[in-house]
Amino acid sequence: MCIEKNHQKTSLRRQCQMLSLARSNLYYTPKGESAENLQFMTIIDKQFLETPWYGSRQMARRSALSEQNWLRRAGRSLSVLP
C-alpha cells in the first residue's frame, strides 16, 4: 500500500481520501480458508479433473458435499466452475 502510517504532515484520513480508499481497508486482514474448506476444495478439484463437464449441480448430487452454493463459491475460487 502507498500509505505511510507515521507520516508527519499527512494524516491517515487524508492519505486514504487522496487515494479514494476507505480507512477500513487499512485495518482489514483477510482470513484464510479453514482446514475443512481446504479439504473440501481438494475433493472438488479431484472430481473436476475426473469429470470436467460437471457443473455445480451434478457435483453436489454425485459427491458427499450437498451444498450447491458452497460448491459454486469454492469452484469459483479454484477457477474450475463458472
Foldseek 3Di string as FASTA:
>chain_A
DPDDPPDDPDHPVRVCVVVVHDSVVVVDDDDDDDPVLVVVLVVLVVVCVVPLPDALVVCLVPDPNPDSVSSQVSCVVVVSHD
